[in-house]
Protein backbone atom coordinates (compact mmCIF):
# COMPACT_ATOMS: atom_id res chain seq x y z
CA MET A 1 -29.14 -27.08 25.07
CA PHE A 2 -30.07 -28.03 21.49
CA TRP A 3 -30.58 -24.40 20.50
CA ASN A 4 -27.17 -23.36 21.84
CA GLU A 5 -25.41 -26.17 19.97
CA ARG A 6 -27.29 -25.35 16.78
CA ALA A 7 -26.53 -21.64 17.08
CA LYS A 8 -22.85 -22.33 17.75
CA SER A 9 -22.63 -24.64 14.74
CA LEU A 10 -24.34 -22.05 12.53
CA ILE A 11 -21.97 -19.30 13.68
CA GLU A 12 -18.91 -21.48 13.11
CA HIS A 13 -20.20 -22.46 9.66
CA ARG A 14 -20.78 -18.83 8.68
CA PHE A 15 -17.38 -17.79 10.03
CA PHE A 16 -15.71 -20.46 7.87
CA ARG A 17 -17.64 -19.31 4.80
CA TYR A 18 -16.86 -15.65 5.54
CA SER A 19 -13.18 -16.48 5.90
CA LEU A 20 -13.20 -18.49 2.68
CA VAL A 21 -14.81 -15.63 0.74
CA GLY A 22 -12.27 -13.20 2.20
CA THR A 23 -9.36 -15.41 1.19
CA VAL A 24 -10.67 -15.85 -2.36
CA ASN A 25 -11.26 -12.10 -2.54
CA THR A 26 -7.66 -11.37 -1.53
CA VAL A 27 -6.34 -13.69 -4.23
CA LEU A 28 -8.73 -12.12 -6.76
CA ASN A 29 -7.67 -8.58 -5.84
CA ASN A 30 -3.96 -9.36 -6.12
CA SER A 31 -4.45 -11.24 -9.39
CA LEU A 32 -6.48 -8.43 -10.93
CA LEU A 33 -3.92 -5.87 -9.83
CA TRP A 34 -1.08 -7.90 -11.33
CA ILE A 35 -2.95 -8.46 -14.62
CA LEU A 36 -3.88 -4.80 -14.95
CA LEU A 37 -0.35 -3.63 -14.22
CA LYS A 38 1.11 -6.11 -16.74
CA ASN A 39 -1.31 -4.77 -19.37
CA GLY A 40 -0.03 -1.23 -19.00
CA PHE A 41 -2.53 0.37 -16.63
CA HIS A 42 -1.25 3.17 -14.43
CA ILE A 43 -0.83 1.99 -10.86
CA ALA A 44 -3.60 4.27 -9.56
CA TRP A 45 -6.15 3.03 -12.13
CA ALA A 46 -5.10 -0.59 -11.71
CA THR A 47 -5.45 -0.36 -7.95
CA LEU A 48 -8.81 1.39 -8.16
CA ASN A 49 -10.24 -1.12 -10.64
CA ALA A 50 -8.95 -4.16 -8.75
CA PHE A 51 -10.31 -2.76 -5.49
CA VAL A 52 -13.76 -1.97 -6.86
CA LEU A 53 -14.13 -5.31 -8.63
CA SER A 54 -13.01 -7.26 -5.58
CA ILE A 55 -15.38 -5.34 -3.29
CA VAL A 56 -18.31 -6.07 -5.61
CA PHE A 57 -17.28 -9.74 -5.77
CA GLN A 58 -17.00 -9.99 -1.98
CA PHE A 59 -20.37 -8.33 -1.41
CA LEU A 60 -22.15 -10.62 -3.87
CA MET A 61 -20.45 -13.77 -2.58
CA ASN A 62 -21.19 -12.92 1.05
CA LYS A 63 -24.80 -12.21 0.16
CA LYS A 64 -25.24 -15.37 -1.89
CA TYR A 65 -22.94 -17.84 -0.14
CA THR A 66 -22.19 -16.74 3.44
CA PHE A 67 -25.49 -15.25 4.57
CA SER A 68 -27.84 -17.10 2.24
CA SER A 69 -30.14 -18.49 4.95
CA LYS A 70 -33.52 -16.92 5.69
CA GLY A 71 -33.51 -13.65 7.55
CA TYR A 72 -30.19 -12.28 6.34
CA CYS A 73 -30.36 -11.31 2.66
């Protein structure tokens, strides 16, 4: 019983962290896109740059923050 409760708690904790990183990433992506467009970037380049930077951010944050326990990354 202890193992099941511990595993459930760990999964819920990771899901919360994963959701938090995803939310921050969405805000970051939209903010970057807005800033780049306001600074005169073409919409295609602004979208590409915002997308790439937000993907890199999300990967690093998930690696460091969400799945930081032993056995994941």
